[in-house]
Amino acid sequence: MAPTRDHLLARGPLATRANAFLGKAWQRGWLPPPALDPDALWALAAKPYGTRAEAVEHGGRSDEDVADFRERLTRLIAAAAQEADLNALGRAMAWGQLSRVVKNRLAFGAFWLERPELLETPLAPPMIVIGHMRSGTTRIHTLLAADPAFSHTRYCDAYHPVPARLGMNRVKAALELAMLGALNPWMQSIHPMAASGVEEELAWLSAALHHSIYESQWHIPAYSAWSEARDPAPIYREFARILRTDAAIRSVADKPRVLKVPAFAEDLTTLLSLFPDARLVIAHRAHDAVLRSAISLAANQMAIQSDSCDLAKIEARWRHKIALREARMAEALADWQGPVARLTFEDLNADWEGAIARCYADLGITLSGPALLGMHNVMAASESGHHHAHAAQLARFAEAG
């Protein structure tokens, strides 16, 4: 049972103890502090490849994509050092995330050098859920993923995307979620996750150092502004490579993939240039409700990793994100001629089955009996899900405010 989250910047007891221990261990020389440095991360990740490291880094990628990642890594680490004011636990978590990103980058390059045909895997036209974070996109995504005619990404393959034998990705994911749950006892109420469960592809964007996952954990306005203004094409080319690889390895390339990441909204023009045959499902929710929930999620993650979180800055960041994504989504959709369905948060709450039926009709797809049965099972399971606790948290914070 999670403790009561009594304010937006609450921190779990284990995170508090871990932060204090790491700070003391580094200060007294019991443990070396992690080297949050681009060269050190590359050296560690490249060691298993020896003289092949440079070739592996370029595996399946253009010079432009390699250079983009290198610059992003340098700038992101600089922003984390100069702006995020990470505490000891935050520094350790940042090192853990970024070292894994670089290791996976090289592991994928090695894999694609051996199996370049994976990058040519033909994909069925995807179903892409578009909308602001906390606007109902997760519910839409999960419902569509229950249709056996479609495929979806699993948590274990999102966060451990390099193919592994004997189901080790699922084992790693389960251990990771257990650790995360211990450090952050409210995370499952904000965004429920399971090792083999339906998951968005945010981690695949973060694998190419898109700003979205990092700005929700760290105060890095310089990196966010630079990245928002930069052409995201190299990120989405890496995303497409991972998607094709996952589809081929799991033998689901012939099924439309249900894709969902809130950051798609700000990069929709680029995304649709890669998937011009996509079907779009657009989620709508009042911006004030989206803002409250987004602030709660970001504050929850930031409070663990920094002792100087500022709610006013968090709110300003997410007001900016909502406005930016709204403008870019409208621009991308202005000339879009493909199939589009629109679902509101209120309609899903009032009559999810009717809303989904209209969605399928708008997209020109048959809603089958097995699909509807799967969706009913998903909704029945969600009645006892963790997410209801987050609604209660937001209501309590609103009353206190």
Foldseek 3Di string as FASTA:
>chain_A
DDDDPQDLLDWAPVLVVVLVVLVVCCVVVVDPQDDLALVVLLCVLQVVVPPCQVQLLPQVHDPVLSVLLSVLSHLVSVLCVPPFQWGSVLSVVVSVLVSVLNNVSSLVSVVCVVPVVLQVQAADAAEEEEEAPPFCSVLVLQLQCLAPLAHADAQLCLQVVRDDPPPVSLVVQQVVVVVVCNRQVQPCQLPNHHSGGGDANVSLLCSSPQPVVVVLQGVRVVSNVVNLPDQCLSSVSSVSSSVSNVCVVVVNRHGHYYHYDNCCLLVVLNNCVVRVQHAYEYEDDDPVSSLLSSLSSSSSNHSSTHVDDDSVSSSVVVVVVNVNSVVSNCVNCVPRDAQYHYDGPVCCVVPVVVSVVSRCVSNVHDCDPSSVVSSVVVVVVCVPGSNVVVVVSSVSNVVVD
